[in-house]
Amino acid sequence: MFNKQLEPEDFYYSPEGYIIFTEKYHLKRGHCCKNGCKHCPYGYNKKTGTFDKDKK
C-alpha cells in the first residue's frame, strides 16, 4: 500500500503556493490520475485524452 506521507522529493511549491508533485511521486503512486499533471511520467495528454507512446 502507498504511504500517504509526502517526502521532500515528492513535491515542491509553485510561486503561487500550489503543491506541484514530482515525477518521483507519480511513479511511487503507481498510476496516472489523468489530470494533466506537469511532471506526469505516464505521458497523459489532457487535451487529447490519450497517452503519448514515448512515455512510460
Protein backbone atom coordinates (compact mmCIF):
# COMPACT_ATOMS: atom_id res chain seq x y z
CA MET A 1 0.00 0.00 0.00
CA PHE A 2 1.21 3.51 -0.81
CA ASN A 3 2.49 5.58 2.11
CA LYS A 4 0.34 8.74 2.32
CA GLN A 5 3.09 10.84 3.95
CA LEU A 6 4.87 13.09 1.47
CA GLU A 7 8.65 13.17 1.38
CA PRO A 8 10.61 16.31 0.39
CA GLU A 9 11.48 14.89 -3.07
CA ASP A 10 7.78 14.19 -3.79
CA PHE A 11 6.75 17.81 -4.32
CA TYR A 12 7.66 21.48 -4.40
CA TYR A 13 5.70 24.71 -4.14
CA SER A 14 4.92 26.93 -7.11
CA PRO A 15 5.46 30.69 -6.75
CA GLU A 16 1.69 30.94 -6.22
CA GLY A 17 1.87 28.48 -3.30
CA TYR A 18 0.43 25.38 -5.01
CA ILE A 19 1.92 21.94 -4.39
CA ILE A 20 3.48 20.51 -7.56
CA PHE A 21 4.06 16.75 -7.48
CA THR A 22 7.30 15.47 -8.97
CA GLU A 23 7.78 12.58 -11.38
CA LYS A 24 9.14 10.54 -8.47
CA TYR A 25 5.87 11.00 -6.57
CA HIS A 26 3.79 9.92 -9.56
CA LEU A 27 5.91 6.81 -10.07
CA LYS A 28 5.53 5.89 -6.37
CA ARG A 29 1.78 6.41 -6.72
CA GLY A 30 1.79 3.82 -9.47
CA HIS A 31 -0.87 5.10 -11.86
CA CYS A 32 -1.98 8.13 -13.84
CA CYS A 33 -4.78 10.29 -12.41
CA LYS A 34 -5.50 11.82 -15.87
CA ASN A 35 -5.44 15.38 -14.54
CA GLY A 36 -2.67 16.55 -16.89
CA CYS A 37 -0.04 16.89 -14.17
CA LYS A 38 3.05 18.93 -15.01
CA HIS A 39 5.50 16.08 -14.29
CA CYS A 40 3.39 13.11 -15.44
CA PRO A 41 5.73 10.21 -16.27
CA TYR A 42 2.93 8.31 -17.99
CA GLY A 43 2.62 10.73 -20.91
CA TYR A 44 -1.04 11.63 -20.47
CA ASN A 45 -2.17 14.46 -22.74
CA LYS A 46 -5.19 16.18 -21.19
CA LYS A 47 -6.07 17.98 -24.44
CA THR A 48 -6.44 14.75 -26.43
CA GLY A 49 -7.30 12.37 -23.59
CA THR A 50 -4.62 9.95 -24.75
CA PHE A 51 -1.20 8.74 -23.64
CA ASP A 52 1.93 9.68 -25.63
CA LYS A 53 3.67 6.49 -26.76
CA ASP A 54 7.17 7.76 -25.99
CA LYS A 55 6.44 7.93 -22.24
CA LYS A 56 6.00 5.03 -19.78
